[in-house]
Amino acid sequence: MKSTPHGPEPRRSSTADHGGTENLKLEGLRNARVRVALNRLADALEGLGDFRMRISQPFVEEPPTLVVTAWGEGLAALTEEIRARVAEDGKLRYVWSWDEDVAGNGDVGLAAESVARVLNPRM
């Protein structure tokens, strides 16, 4: 095994090794579930103010994020990236960019209200 200044070089393997194909399928399913949850959050935010939103997933192997920007006259155009994660109880939780759960314990309506308050404190 080759070595690098930071330790042993990671082993390169095909996706067939160690269930790689199966892991990719599971990751794809998880990302699809997260994408649906983020779209629901975007839908809930539409009724709470003037926000610009888009789903971002720069790398296929990483989970998507919802990029939300407050928009409108007198607003500072604050932007936040919201993620979703599957908690130990199997429920989805929305997560701030600083890795703290968004209020609402996974409830999309409460999470949307929390995101809206952060991006538009005048609400």
PDB file of N, CA and C in Angstrom:
ATOM      1  N   MET A   1       0.849  -1.179   0.000  1.00  0.00           N
ATOM      2  CA  MET A   1       0.000   0.000   0.000  1.00  0.00           C
ATOM      3  C   MET A   1       0.885   1.229   0.000  1.00  0.00           C
ATOM      4  N   LYS A   2       0.566   2.178  -0.884  1.00  0.00           N
ATOM      5  CA  LYS A   2       1.313   3.423  -0.954  1.00  0.00           C
ATOM      6  C   LYS A   2       0.991   4.284   0.249  1.00  0.00           C
ATOM      7  N   SER A   3       1.902   5.172   0.550  1.00  0.00           N
ATOM      8  CA  SER A   3       1.694   6.073   1.676  1.00  0.00           C
ATOM      9  C   SER A   3       1.793   7.511   1.186  1.00  0.00           C
ATOM     10  N   THR A   4       1.045   8.405   1.801  1.00  0.00           N
ATOM     11  CA  THR A   4       1.097   9.833   1.508  1.00  0.00           C
ATOM     12  C   THR A   4       1.550  10.542   2.779  1.00  0.00           C
ATOM     13  N   PRO A   5       1.858  11.837   2.698  1.00  0.00           N
ATOM     14  CA  PRO A   5       2.250  12.554   3.915  1.00  0.00           C
ATOM     15  C   PRO A   5       1.154  12.546   4.989  1.00  0.00           C
ATOM     16  N   HIS A   6      -0.083  12.278   4.587  1.00  0.00           N
ATOM     17  CA  HIS A   6      -1.210  12.286   5.529  1.00  0.00           C
ATOM     18  C   HIS A   6      -1.650  10.885   5.923  1.00  0.00           C
ATOM     19  N   GLY A   7      -0.860   9.880   5.624  1.00  0.00           N
ATOM     20  CA  GLY A   7      -1.233   8.513   5.968  1.00  0.00           C
ATOM     21  C   GLY A   7      -1.319   7.650   4.730  1.00  0.00           C
ATOM     22  N   PRO A   8      -1.862   6.455   4.887  1.00  0.00           N
ATOM     23  CA  PRO A   8      -1.940   5.551   3.749  1.00  0.00           C
ATOM     24  C   PRO A   8      -2.899   6.080   2.679  1.00  0.00           C
ATOM     25  N   GLU A   9      -2.521   5.844   1.436  1.00  0.00           N
ATOM     26  CA  GLU A   9      -3.369   6.251   0.321  1.00  0.00           C
ATOM     27  C   GLU A   9      -4.623   5.392   0.320  1.00  0.00           C
ATOM     28  N   PRO A  10      -5.788   5.998   0.118  1.00  0.00           N
ATOM     29  CA  PRO A  10      -7.016   5.199   0.119  1.00  0.00           C
ATOM     30  C   PRO A  10      -7.011   4.196  -1.024  1.00  0.00           C
ATOM     31  N   ARG A  11      -7.574   3.045  -0.755  1.00  0.00           N
ATOM     32  CA  ARG A  11      -7.647   1.998  -1.757  1.00  0.00           C
ATOM     33  C   ARG A  11      -8.684   2.367  -2.803  1.00  0.00           C
ATOM     34  N   ARG A  12      -8.341   2.234  -4.033  1.00  0.00           N
ATOM     35  CA  ARG A  12      -9.265   2.486  -5.132  1.00  0.00           C
ATOM     36  C   ARG A  12      -9.958   1.176  -5.452  1.00  0.00           C
ATOM     37  N   SER A  13     -11.279   1.213  -5.533  1.00  0.00           N
ATOM     38  CA  SER A  13     -12.009  -0.010  -5.833  1.00  0.00           C
ATOM     39  C   SER A  13     -13.145   0.290  -6.782  1.00  0.00           C
ATOM     40  N   SER A  14     -13.596  -0.723  -7.456  1.00  0.00           N
ATOM     41  CA  SER A  14     -14.752  -0.563  -8.334  1.00  0.00           C
ATOM     42  C   SER A  14     -15.999  -0.516  -7.467  1.00  0.00           C
ATOM     43  N   THR A  15     -17.117  -0.093  -8.070  1.00  0.00           N
ATOM     44  CA  THR A  15     -18.356  -0.032  -7.301  1.00  0.00           C
ATOM     45  C   THR A  15     -18.859  -1.418  -6.935  1.00  0.00           C
ATOM     46  N   ALA A  16     -18.312  -2.450  -7.562  1.00  0.00           N
ATOM     47  CA  ALA A  16     -18.736  -3.810  -7.245  1.00  0.00           C
ATOM     48  C   ALA A  16     -18.134  -4.291  -5.927  1.00  0.00           C
ATOM     49  N   ASP A  17     -17.050  -3.692  -5.479  1.00  0.00           N
ATOM     50  CA  ASP A  17     -16.417  -4.094  -4.233  1.00  0.00           C
ATOM     51  C   ASP A  17     -17.265  -3.676  -3.040  1.00  0.00           C
ATOM     52  N   HIS A  18     -17.392  -4.553  -2.069  1.00  0.00           N
ATOM     53  CA  HIS A  18     -18.018  -4.227  -0.780  1.00  0.00           C
ATOM     54  C   HIS A  18     -19.415  -3.631  -0.922  1.00  0.00           C
ATOM     55  N   GLY A  19     -20.179  -4.079  -1.895  1.00  0.00           N
ATOM     56  CA  GLY A  19     -21.543  -3.588  -2.041  1.00  0.00           C
ATOM     57  C   GLY A  19     -21.625  -2.158  -2.530  1.00  0.00           C
ATOM     58  N   GLY A  20     -20.629  -1.685  -3.248  1.00  0.00           N
ATOM     59  CA  GLY A  20     -20.593  -0.296  -3.714  1.00  0.00           C
ATOM     60  C   GLY A  20     -21.817   0.098  -4.508  1.00  0.00           C
ATOM     61  N   THR A  21     -22.272  -0.770  -5.403  1.00  0.00           N
ATOM     62  CA  THR A  21     -23.451  -0.469  -6.201  1.00  0.00           C
ATOM     63  C   THR A  21     -24.677  -0.340  -5.306  1.00  0.00           C
ATOM     64  N   GLU A  22     -24.788  -1.235  -4.341  1.00  0.00           N
ATOM     65  CA  GLU A  22     -25.913  -1.184  -3.403  1.00  0.00           C
ATOM     66  C   GLU A  22     -25.868   0.105  -2.589  1.00  0.00           C
ATOM     67  N   ASN A  23     -24.673   0.512  -2.147  1.00  0.00           N
ATOM     68  CA  ASN A  23     -24.533   1.756  -1.389  1.00  0.00           C
ATOM     69  C   ASN A  23     -24.932   2.962  -2.225  1.00  0.00           C
ATOM     70  N   LEU A  24     -24.560   2.964  -3.517  1.00  0.00           N
ATOM     71  CA  LEU A  24     -24.938   4.062  -4.394  1.00  0.00           C
ATOM     72  C   LEU A  24     -26.450   4.140  -4.552  1.00  0.00           C
ATOM     73  N   LYS A  25     -27.108   2.998  -4.651  1.00  0.00           N
ATOM     74  CA  LYS A  25     -28.573   2.973  -4.768  1.00  0.00           C
ATOM     75  C   LYS A  25     -29.216   3.529  -3.502  1.00  0.00           C
ATOM     76  N   LEU A  26     -28.710   3.110  -2.336  1.00  0.00           N
ATOM     77  CA  LEU A  26     -29.264   3.603  -1.068  1.00  0.00           C
ATOM     78  C   LEU A  26     -29.053   5.101  -0.936  1.00  0.00           C
ATOM     79  N   GLU A  27     -27.872   5.570  -1.326  1.00  0.00           N
ATOM     80  CA  GLU A  27     -27.581   7.004  -1.264  1.00  0.00           C
ATOM     81  C   GLU A  27     -28.508   7.769  -2.205  1.00  0.00           C
ATOM     82  N   GLY A  28     -28.764   7.205  -3.386  1.00  0.00           N
ATOM     83  CA  GLY A  28     -29.672   7.837  -4.333  1.00  0.00           C
ATOM     84  C   GLY A  28     -31.084   7.923  -3.785  1.00  0.00           C
ATOM     85  N   LEU A  29     -31.542   6.864  -3.115  1.00  0.00           N
ATOM     86  CA  LEU A  29     -32.875   6.880  -2.502  1.00  0.00           C
ATOM     87  C   LEU A  29     -32.952   7.912  -1.382  1.00  0.00           C
ATOM     88  N   ARG A  30     -31.910   7.971  -0.565  1.00  0.00           N
ATOM     89  CA  ARG A  30     -31.879   8.941   0.530  1.00  0.00           C
ATOM     90  C   ARG A  30     -31.903  10.366  -0.030  1.00  0.00           C
ATOM     91  N   ASN A  31     -31.095  10.613  -1.069  1.00  0.00           N
ATOM     92  CA  ASN A  31     -31.068  11.947  -1.659  1.00  0.00           C
ATOM     93  C   ASN A  31     -32.410  12.305  -2.298  1.00  0.00           C
ATOM     94  N   ALA A  32     -33.086  11.326  -2.877  1.00  0.00           N
ATOM     95  CA  ALA A  32     -34.402  11.575  -3.456  1.00  0.00           C
ATOM     96  C   ALA A  32     -35.399  11.955  -2.362  1.00  0.00           C
ATOM     97  N   ARG A  33     -35.339  11.265  -1.238  1.00  0.00           N
ATOM     98  CA  ARG A  33     -36.227  11.576  -0.102  1.00  0.00           C
ATOM     99  C   ARG A  33     -35.937  12.984   0.431  1.00  0.00           C
ATOM    100  N   VAL A  34     -34.662  13.328   0.519  1.00  0.00           N
ATOM    101  CA  VAL A  34     -34.262  14.658   0.982  1.00  0.00           C
ATOM    102  C   VAL A  34     -34.749  15.718  -0.002  1.00  0.00           C
ATOM    103  N   ARG A  35     -34.609  15.458  -1.295  1.00  0.00           N
ATOM    104  CA  ARG A  35     -35.039  16.411  -2.325  1.00  0.00           C
ATOM    105  C   ARG A  35     -36.552  16.667  -2.217  1.00  0.00           C
ATOM    106  N   VAL A  36     -37.339  15.631  -2.005  1.00  0.00           N
ATOM    107  CA  VAL A  36     -38.786  15.795  -1.836  1.00  0.00           C
ATOM    108  C   VAL A  36     -39.069  16.666  -0.617  1.00  0.00           C
ATOM    109  N   ALA A  37     -38.378  16.411   0.491  1.00  0.00           N
ATOM    110  CA  ALA A  37     -38.579  17.205   1.713  1.00  0.00           C
ATOM    111  C   ALA A  37     -38.209  18.667   1.490  1.00  0.00           C
ATOM    112  N   LEU A  38     -37.118  18.916   0.774  1.00  0.00           N
ATOM    113  CA  LEU A  38     -36.701  20.293   0.510  1.00  0.00           C
ATOM    114  C   LEU A  38     -37.697  20.999  -0.416  1.00  0.00           C
ATOM    115  N   ASN A  39     -38.246  20.286  -1.367  1.00  0.00           N
ATOM    116  CA  ASN A  39     -39.277  20.875  -2.233  1.00  0.00           C
ATOM    117  C   ASN A  39     -40.524  21.226  -1.429  1.00  0.00           C
ATOM    118  N   ARG A  40     -40.880  20.393  -0.461  1.00  0.00           N
ATOM    119  CA  ARG A  40     -42.031  20.695   0.409  1.00  0.00           C
ATOM    120  C   ARG A  40     -41.764  21.954   1.236  1.00  0.00           C
ATOM    121  N   LEU A  41     -40.533  22.083   1.721  1.00  0.00           N
ATOM    122  CA  LEU A  41     -40.164  23.277   2.477  1.00  0.00           C
ATOM    123  C   LEU A  41     -40.246  24.512   1.582  1.00  0.00           C
ATOM    124  N   ALA A  42     -39.767  24.418   0.366  1.00  0.00           N
ATOM    125  CA  ALA A  42     -39.849  25.535  -0.580  1.00  0.00           C
ATOM    126  C   ALA A  42     -41.306  25.915  -0.838  1.00  0.00           C
ATOM    127  N   ASP A  43     -42.164  24.922  -1.010  1.00  0.00           N
ATOM    128  CA  ASP A  43     -43.592  25.199  -1.212  1.00  0.00           C
ATOM    129  C   ASP A  43     -44.181  25.931  -0.013  1.00  0.00           C
ATOM    130  N   ALA A  44     -43.814  25.505   1.188  1.00  0.00           N
ATOM    131  CA  ALA A  44     -44.327  26.143   2.411  1.00  0.00           C
ATOM    132  C   ALA A  44     -43.813  27.575   2.540  1.00  0.00           C
ATOM    133  N   LEU A  45     -42.581  27.815   2.113  1.00  0.00           N
ATOM    134  CA  LEU A  45     -42.003  29.159   2.202  1.00  0.00           C
ATOM    135  C   LEU A  45     -42.656  30.136   1.232  1.00  0.00           C
ATOM    136  N   GLU A  46     -43.171  29.631   0.120  1.00  0.00           N
ATOM    137  CA  GLU A  46     -43.779  30.516  -0.889  1.00  0.00           C
ATOM    138  C   GLU A  46     -44.889  31.368  -0.307  1.00  0.00           C
ATOM    139  N   GLY A  47     -45.642  30.848   0.641  1.00  0.00           N
ATOM    140  CA  GLY A  47     -46.738  31.605   1.226  1.00  0.00           C
ATOM    141  C   GLY A  47     -46.326  32.513   2.370  1.00  0.00           C
ATOM    142  N   LEU A  48     -45.055  32.525   2.713  1.00  0.00           N
ATOM    143  CA  LEU A  48     -44.625  33.282   3.893  1.00  0.00           C
ATOM    144  C   LEU A  48     -43.813  34.530   3.581  1.00  0.00           C
ATOM    145  N   GLY A  49     -43.601  34.827   2.331  1.00  0.00           N
ATOM    146  CA  GLY A  49     -42.817  36.010   1.993  1.00  0.00           C
ATOM    147  C   GLY A  49     -42.250  35.896   0.602  1.00  0.00           C
ATOM    148  N   ASP A  50     -41.457  36.896   0.248  1.00  0.00           N
ATOM    149  CA  ASP A  50     -40.853  36.922  -1.078  1.00  0.00           C
ATOM    150  C   ASP A  50     -39.451  36.329  -0.976  1.00  0.00           C
ATOM    151  N   PHE A  51     -39.342  35.076  -1.363  1.00  0.00           N
ATOM    152  CA  PHE A  51     -38.071  34.370  -1.310  1.00  0.00           C
ATOM    153  C   PHE A  51     -37.722  33.824  -2.682  1.00  0.00           C
ATOM    154  N   ARG A  52     -36.445  33.805  -3.000  1.00  0.00           N
ATOM    155  CA  ARG A  52     -35.939  33.125  -4.193  1.00  0.00           C
ATOM    156  C   ARG A  52     -35.353  31.818  -3.692  1.00  0.00           C
ATOM    157  N   MET A  53     -35.731  30.716  -4.343  1.00  0.00           N
ATOM    158  CA  MET A  53     -35.290  29.401  -3.863  1.00  0.00           C
ATOM    159  C   MET A  53     -34.842  28.532  -5.025  1.00  0.00           C
ATOM    160  N   ARG A  54     -33.871  27.690  -4.724  1.00  0.00           N
ATOM    161  CA  ARG A  54     -33.431  26.700  -5.703  1.00  0.00           C
ATOM    162  C   ARG A  54     -32.821  25.527  -4.949  1.00  0.00           C
ATOM    163  N   ILE A  55     -32.940  24.355  -5.545  1.00  0.00           N
ATOM    164  CA  ILE A  55     -32.294  23.164  -4.999  1.00  0.00           C
ATOM    165  C   ILE A  55     -30.904  23.094  -5.615  1.00  0.00           C
ATOM    166  N   SER A  56     -29.912  22.887  -4.779  1.00  0.00           N
ATOM    167  CA  SER A  56     -28.527  22.793  -5.246  1.00  0.00           C
ATOM    168  C   SER A  56     -27.951  21.445  -4.841  1.00  0.00           C
ATOM    169  N   GLN A  57     -27.253  20.820  -5.769  1.00  0.00           N
ATOM    170  CA  GLN A  57     -26.550  19.572  -5.489  1.00  0.00           C
ATOM    171  C   GLN A  57     -25.329  19.520  -6.395  1.00  0.00           C
ATOM    172  N   PRO A  58     -24.253  20.215  -5.987  1.00  0.00           N
ATOM    173  CA  PRO A  58     -23.084  20.317  -6.864  1.00  0.00           C
ATOM    174  C   PRO A  58     -22.414  18.969  -7.173  1.00  0.00           C
ATOM    175  N   PHE A  59     -22.509  18.026  -6.252  1.00  0.00           N
ATOM    176  CA  PHE A  59     -21.906  16.716  -6.458  1.00  0.00           C
ATOM    177  C   PHE A  59     -22.971  15.653  -6.230  1.00  0.00           C
ATOM    178  N   VAL A  60     -23.059  14.702  -7.139  1.00  0.00           N
ATOM    179  CA  VAL A  60     -24.092  13.665  -7.074  1.00  0.00           C
ATOM    180  C   VAL A  60     -24.041  12.903  -5.766  1.00  0.00           C
ATOM    181  N   GLU A  61     -22.859  12.654  -5.235  1.00  0.00           N
ATOM    182  CA  GLU A  61     -22.741  11.836  -4.028  1.00  0.00           C
ATOM    183  C   GLU A  61     -23.070  12.609  -2.746  1.00  0.00           C
ATOM    184  N   GLU A  62     -23.276  13.908  -2.854  1.00  0.00           N
ATOM    185  CA  GLU A  62     -23.615  14.702  -1.678  1.00  0.00           C
ATOM    186  C   GLU A  62     -25.107  15.013  -1.679  1.00  0.00           C
ATOM    187  N   PRO A  63     -25.692  15.158  -0.496  1.00  0.00           N
ATOM    188  CA  PRO A  63     -27.133  15.453  -0.440  1.00  0.00           C
ATOM    189  C   PRO A  63     -27.445  16.856  -0.963  1.00  0.00           C
ATOM    190  N   PRO A  64     -28.636  17.040  -1.498  1.00  0.00           N
ATOM    191  CA  PRO A  64     -29.037  18.362  -1.996  1.00  0.00           C
ATOM    192  C   PRO A  64     -29.293  19.333  -0.843  1.00  0.00           C
ATOM    193  N   THR A  65     -29.273  20.613  -1.171  1.00  0.00           N
ATOM    194  CA  THR A  65     -29.614  21.665  -0.211  1.00  0.00           C
ATOM    195  C   THR A  65     -30.637  22.592  -0.865  1.00  0.00           C
ATOM    196  N   LEU A  66     -31.400  23.276  -0.029  1.00  0.00           N
ATOM    197  CA  LEU A  66     -32.318  24.302  -0.506  1.00  0.00           C
ATOM    198  C   LEU A  66     -31.667  25.645  -0.212  1.00  0.00           C
ATOM    199  N   VAL A  67     -31.393  26.404  -1.260  1.00  0.00           N
ATOM    200  CA  VAL A  67     -30.801  27.734  -1.114  1.00  0.00           C
ATOM    201  C   VAL A  67     -31.952  28.731  -1.139  1.00  0.00           C
ATOM    202  N   VAL A  68     -32.108  29.466  -0.034  1.00  0.00           N
ATOM    203  CA  VAL A  68     -33.227  30.405   0.123  1.00  0.00           C
ATOM    204  C   VAL A  68     -32.656  31.807   0.325  1.00  0.00           C
ATOM    205  N   THR A  69     -33.136  32.751  -0.481  1.00  0.00           N
ATOM    206  CA  THR A  69     -32.712  34.144  -0.363  1.00  0.00           C
ATOM    207  C   THR A  69     -33.938  35.018  -0.153  1.00  0.00           C
ATOM    208  N   ALA A  70     -33.878  35.854   0.886  1.00  0.00           N
ATOM    209  CA  ALA A  70     -34.958  36.836   1.104  1.00  0.00           C
ATOM    210  C   ALA A  70     -34.865  37.870  -0.011  1.00  0.00           C
ATOM    211  N   TRP A  71     -36.010  38.252  -0.553  1.00  0.00           N
ATOM    212  CA  TRP A  71     -36.020  39.127  -1.722  1.00  0.00           C
ATOM    213  C   TRP A  71     -37.084  40.180  -1.532  1.00  0.00           C
ATOM    214  N   GLY A  72     -36.776  41.387  -1.852  1.00  0.00           N
ATOM    215  CA  GLY A  72     -37.790  42.423  -1.783  1.00  0.00           C
ATOM    216  C   GLY A  72     -37.218  43.739  -1.308  1.00  0.00           C
ATOM    217  N   GLU A  73     -38.019  44.756  -1.459  1.00  0.00           N
ATOM    218  CA  GLU A  73     -37.604  46.092  -1.082  1.00  0.00           C
ATOM    219  C   GLU A  73     -37.317  46.174   0.419  1.00  0.00           C
ATOM    220  N   GLY A  74     -36.172  46.744   0.744  1.00  0.00           N
ATOM    221  CA  GLY A  74     -35.806  46.932   2.140  1.00  0.00           C
ATOM    222  C   GLY A  74     -35.207  45.717   2.818  1.00  0.00           C
ATOM    223  N   LEU A  75     -35.072  44.600   2.106  1.00  0.00           N
ATOM    224  CA  LEU A  75     -34.467  43.403   2.699  1.00  0.00           C
ATOM    225  C   LEU A  75     -32.983  43.344   2.347  1.00  0.00           C
ATOM    226  N   ALA A  76     -32.222  42.731   3.194  1.00  0.00           N
ATOM    227  CA  ALA A  76     -30.774  42.658   3.020  1.00  0.00           C
ATOM    228  C   ALA A  76     -30.340  41.528   2.088  1.00  0.00           C
ATOM    229  N   ALA A  77     -31.270  40.850   1.448  1.00  0.00           N
ATOM    230  CA  ALA A  77     -30.972  39.721   0.551  1.00  0.00           C
ATOM    231  C   ALA A  77     -30.138  38.656   1.272  1.00  0.00           C
ATOM    232  N   LEU A  78     -30.559  38.324   2.488  1.00  0.00           N
ATOM    233  CA  LEU A  78     -29.889  37.266   3.239  1.00  0.00           C
ATOM    234  C   LEU A  78     -30.148  35.920   2.573  1.00  0.00           C
ATOM    235  N   THR A  79     -29.152  35.058   2.585  1.00  0.00           N
ATOM    236  CA  THR A  79     -29.271  33.738   1.977  1.00  0.00           C
ATOM    237  C   THR A  79     -28.893  32.672   2.994  1.00  0.00           C
ATOM    238  N   GLU A  80     -29.615  31.577   2.963  1.00  0.00           N
ATOM    239  CA  GLU A  80     -29.322  30.447   3.848  1.00  0.00           C
ATOM    240  C   GLU A  80     -29.461  29.155   3.049  1.00  0.00           C
ATOM    241  N   GLU A  81     -28.583  28.203   3.350  1.00  0.00           N
ATOM    242  CA  GLU A  81     -28.669  26.872   2.758  1.00  0.00           C
ATOM    243  C   GLU A  81     -29.246  25.924   3.796  1.00  0.00           C
ATOM    244  N   ILE A  82     -30.374  25.323   3.472  1.00  0.00           N
ATOM    245  CA  ILE A  82     -31.043  24.394   4.375  1.00  0.00           C
ATOM    246  C   ILE A  82     -30.841  22.979   3.848  1.00  0.00           C
ATOM    247  N   ARG A  83     -30.468  22.093   4.739  1.00  0.00           N
ATOM    248  CA  ARG A  83     -30.329  20.674   4.397  1.00  0.00           C
ATOM    249  C   ARG A  83     -31.432  19.910   5.107  1.00  0.00           C
ATOM    250  N   ALA A  84     -31.564  18.659   4.754  1.00  0.00           N
ATOM    251  CA  ALA A  84     -32.456  17.763   5.482  1.00  0.00           C
ATOM    252  C   ALA A  84     -31.651  16.504   5.791  1.00  0.00           C
ATOM    253  N   ARG A  85     -31.943  15.919   6.939  1.00  0.00           N
ATOM    254  CA  ARG A  85     -31.252  14.681   7.325  1.00  0.00           C
ATOM    255  C   ARG A  85     -32.280  13.722   7.896  1.00  0.00           C
ATOM    256  N   VAL A  86     -31.953  12.461   7.836  1.00  0.00           N
ATOM    257  CA  VAL A  86     -32.815  11.450   8.433  1.00  0.00           C
ATOM    258  C   VAL A  86     -32.329  11.237   9.871  1.00  0.00           C
ATOM    259  N   ALA A  87     -33.199  11.498  10.832  1.00  0.00           N
ATOM    260  CA  ALA A  87     -32.858  11.352  12.249  1.00  0.00           C
ATOM    261  C   ALA A  87     -32.902   9.873  12.645  1.00  0.00           C
ATOM    262  N   GLU A  88     -32.452   9.593  13.845  1.00  0.00           N
ATOM    263  CA  GLU A  88     -32.431   8.212  14.345  1.00  0.00           C
ATOM    264  C   GLU A  88     -33.812   7.575  14.378  1.00  0.00           C
ATOM    265  N   ASP A  89     -34.854   8.397  14.572  1.00  0.00           N
ATOM    266  CA  ASP A  89     -36.221   7.863  14.611  1.00  0.00           C
ATOM    267  C   ASP A  89     -36.811   7.670  13.211  1.00  0.00           C
ATOM    268  N   GLY A  90     -36.009   7.950  12.165  1.00  0.00           N
ATOM    269  CA  GLY A  90     -36.457   7.766  10.792  1.00  0.00           C
ATOM    270  C   GLY A  90     -37.132   8.981  10.186  1.00  0.00           C
ATOM    271  N   LYS A  91     -37.412  10.000  11.001  1.00  0.00           N
ATOM    272  CA  LYS A  91     -38.052  11.214  10.497  1.00  0.00           C
ATOM    273  C   LYS A  91     -37.008  12.136   9.876  1.00  0.00           C
ATOM    274  N   LEU A  92     -37.473  12.960   8.950  1.00  0.00           N
ATOM    275  CA  LEU A  92     -36.596  13.964   8.356  1.00  0.00           C
ATOM    276  C   LEU A  92     -36.561  15.200   9.239  1.00  0.00           C
ATOM    277  N   ARG A  93     -35.400  15.779   9.378  1.00  0.00           N
ATOM    278  CA  ARG A  93     -35.219  17.027  10.111  1.00  0.00           C
ATOM    279  C   ARG A  93     -34.559  18.016   9.159  1.00  0.00           C
ATOM    280  N   TYR A  94     -34.998  19.254   9.204  1.00  0.00           N
ATOM    281  CA  TYR A  94     -34.348  20.309   8.433  1.00  0.00           C
ATOM    282  C   TYR A  94     -33.193  20.843   9.262  1.00  0.00           C
ATOM    283  N   VAL A  95     -32.102  21.221   8.587  1.00  0.00           N
ATOM    284  CA  VAL A  95     -30.868  21.583   9.286  1.00  0.00           C
ATOM    285  C   VAL A  95     -30.304  22.875   8.696  1.00  0.00           C
ATOM    286  N   TRP A  96     -29.945  23.815   9.583  1.00  0.00           N
ATOM    287  CA  TRP A  96     -29.292  25.060   9.174  1.00  0.00           C
ATOM    288  C   TRP A  96     -27.889  24.766   8.651  1.00  0.00           C
ATOM    289  N   SER A  97     -27.314  25.738   7.987  1.00  0.00           N
ATOM    290  CA  SER A  97     -25.957  25.586   7.445  1.00  0.00           C
ATOM    291  C   SER A  97     -24.927  25.406   8.559  1.00  0.00           C
ATOM    292  N   TRP A  98     -25.247  25.798   9.782  1.00  0.00           N
ATOM    293  CA  TRP A  98     -24.308  25.644  10.899  1.00  0.00           C
ATOM    294  C   TRP A  98     -24.575  24.346  11.678  1.00  0.00           C
ATOM    295  N   ASP A  99     -25.289  23.410  11.064  1.00  0.00           N
ATOM    296  CA  ASP A  99     -25.536  22.057  11.584  1.00  0.00           C
ATOM    297  C   ASP A  99     -26.450  21.981  12.800  1.00  0.00           C
ATOM    298  N   GLU A 100     -27.267  22.975  13.005  1.00  0.00           N
ATOM    299  CA  GLU A 100     -28.269  22.928  14.073  1.00  0.00           C
ATOM    300  C   GLU A 100     -29.625  22.659  13.433  1.00  0.00           C
ATOM    301  N   ASP A 101     -30.414  21.820  14.086  1.00  0.00           N
ATOM    302  CA  ASP A 101     -31.738  21.531  13.541  1.00  0.00           C
ATOM    303  C   ASP A 101     -32.600  22.793  13.517  1.00  0.00           C
ATOM    304  N   VAL A 102     -33.341  22.958  12.426  1.00  0.00           N
ATOM    305  CA  VAL A 102     -34.310  24.038  12.323  1.00  0.00           C
ATOM    306  C   VAL A 102     -35.472  23.689  13.259  1.00  0.00           C
ATOM    307  N   ALA A 103     -36.049  24.686  13.884  1.00  0.00           N
ATOM    308  CA  ALA A 103     -37.178  24.463  14.788  1.00  0.00           C
ATOM    309  C   ALA A 103     -38.296  23.720  14.067  1.00  0.00           C
ATOM    310  N   GLY A 104     -39.062  22.949  14.817  1.00  0.00           N
ATOM    311  CA  GLY A 104     -40.219  22.276  14.253  1.00  0.00           C
ATOM    312  C   GLY A 104     -40.136  20.768  14.269  1.00  0.00           C
ATOM    313  N   ASN A 105     -38.988  20.217  14.660  1.00  0.00           N
ATOM    314  CA  ASN A 105     -38.846  18.763  14.782  1.00  0.00           C
ATOM    315  C   ASN A 105     -39.279  18.030  13.507  1.00  0.00           C
ATOM    316  N   GLY A 106     -38.962  18.631  12.348  1.00  0.00           N
ATOM    317  CA  GLY A 106     -39.287  18.008  11.073  1.00  0.00           C
ATOM    318  C   GLY A 106     -40.605  18.442  10.473  1.00  0.00           C
ATOM    319  N   ASP A 107     -41.426  19.195  11.221  1.00  0.00           N
ATOM    320  CA  ASP A 107     -42.695  19.697  10.695  1.00  0.00           C
ATOM    321  C   ASP A 107     -42.397  20.784   9.664  1.00  0.00           C
ATOM    322  N   VAL A 108     -42.845  20.574   8.433  1.00  0.00           N
ATOM    323  CA  VAL A 108     -42.495  21.480   7.340  1.00  0.00           C
ATOM    324  C   VAL A 108     -43.044  22.888   7.554  1.00  0.00           C
ATOM    325  N   GLY A 109     -44.238  23.022   8.087  1.00  0.00           N
ATOM    326  CA  GLY A 109     -44.813  24.342   8.324  1.00  0.00           C
ATOM    327  C   GLY A 109     -44.045  25.136   9.364  1.00  0.00           C
ATOM    328  N   LEU A 110     -43.721  24.482  10.473  1.00  0.00           N
ATOM    329  CA  LEU A 110     -42.949  25.159  11.533  1.00  0.00           C
ATOM    330  C   LEU A 110     -41.538  25.484  11.062  1.00  0.00           C
ATOM    331  N   ALA A 111     -40.938  24.592  10.294  1.00  0.00           N
ATOM    332  CA  ALA A 111     -39.592  24.839   9.766  1.00  0.00           C
ATOM    333  C   ALA A 111     -39.617  26.034   8.812  1.00  0.00           C
ATOM    334  N   ALA A 112     -40.635  26.112   7.964  1.00  0.00           N
ATOM    335  CA  ALA A 112     -40.747  27.231   7.027  1.00  0.00           C
ATOM    336  C   ALA A 112     -40.884  28.552   7.779  1.00  0.00           C
ATOM    337  N   GLU A 113     -41.698  28.570   8.831  1.00  0.00           N
ATOM    338  CA  GLU A 113     -41.854  29.791   9.633  1.00  0.00           C
ATOM    339  C   GLU A 113     -40.528  30.207  10.259  1.00  0.00           C
ATOM    340  N   SER A 114     -39.753  29.240  10.732  1.00  0.00           N
ATOM    341  CA  SER A 114     -38.465  29.529  11.348  1.00  0.00           C
ATOM    342  C   SER A 114     -37.480  30.099  10.323  1.00  0.00           C
ATOM    343  N   VAL A 115     -37.414  29.493   9.148  1.00  0.00           N
ATOM    344  CA  VAL A 115     -36.520  29.977   8.094  1.00  0.00           C
ATOM    345  C   VAL A 115     -36.933  31.385   7.672  1.00  0.00           C
ATOM    346  N   ALA A 116     -38.225  31.609   7.511  1.00  0.00           N
ATOM    347  CA  ALA A 116     -38.719  32.926   7.110  1.00  0.00           C
ATOM    348  C   ALA A 116     -38.353  33.992   8.142  1.00  0.00           C
ATOM    349  N   ARG A 117     -38.472  33.672   9.432  1.00  0.00           N
ATOM    350  CA  ARG A 117     -38.130  34.633  10.497  1.00  0.00           C
ATOM    351  C   ARG A 117     -36.646  34.984  10.472  1.00  0.00           C
ATOM    352  N   VAL A 118     -35.800  34.001  10.203  1.00  0.00           N
ATOM    353  CA  VAL A 118     -34.358  34.258  10.185  1.00  0.00           C
ATOM    354  C   VAL A 118     -33.992  35.136   8.984  1.00  0.00           C
ATOM    355  N   LEU A 119     -34.580  34.840   7.835  1.00  0.00           N
ATOM    356  CA  LEU A 119     -34.227  35.597   6.620  1.00  0.00           C
ATOM    357  C   LEU A 119     -34.953  36.926   6.491  1.00  0.00           C
ATOM    358  N   ASN A 120     -36.072  37.076   7.185  1.00  0.00           N
ATOM    359  CA  ASN A 120     -36.819  38.328   7.188  1.00  0.00           C
ATOM    360  C   ASN A 120     -37.269  38.616   8.614  1.00  0.00           C
ATOM    361  N   PRO A 121     -36.378  39.191   9.424  1.00  0.00           N
ATOM    362  CA  PRO A 121     -36.673  39.384  10.842  1.00  0.00           C
ATOM    363  C   PRO A 121     -37.870  40.295  11.104  1.00  0.00           C
ATOM    364  N   ARG A 122     -38.363  41.017  10.108  1.00  0.00           N
ATOM    365  CA  ARG A 122     -39.524  41.907  10.299  1.00  0.00           C
ATOM    366  C   ARG A 122     -40.842  41.160  10.283  1.00  0.00           C
ATOM    367  N   MET A 123     -40.820  39.879  10.040  1.00  0.00           N
ATOM    368  CA  MET A 123     -42.065  39.098   9.957  1.00  0.00           C
ATOM    369  C   MET A 123     -42.726  39.006  11.320  1.00  0.00           C
TER     370      MET A 123
END
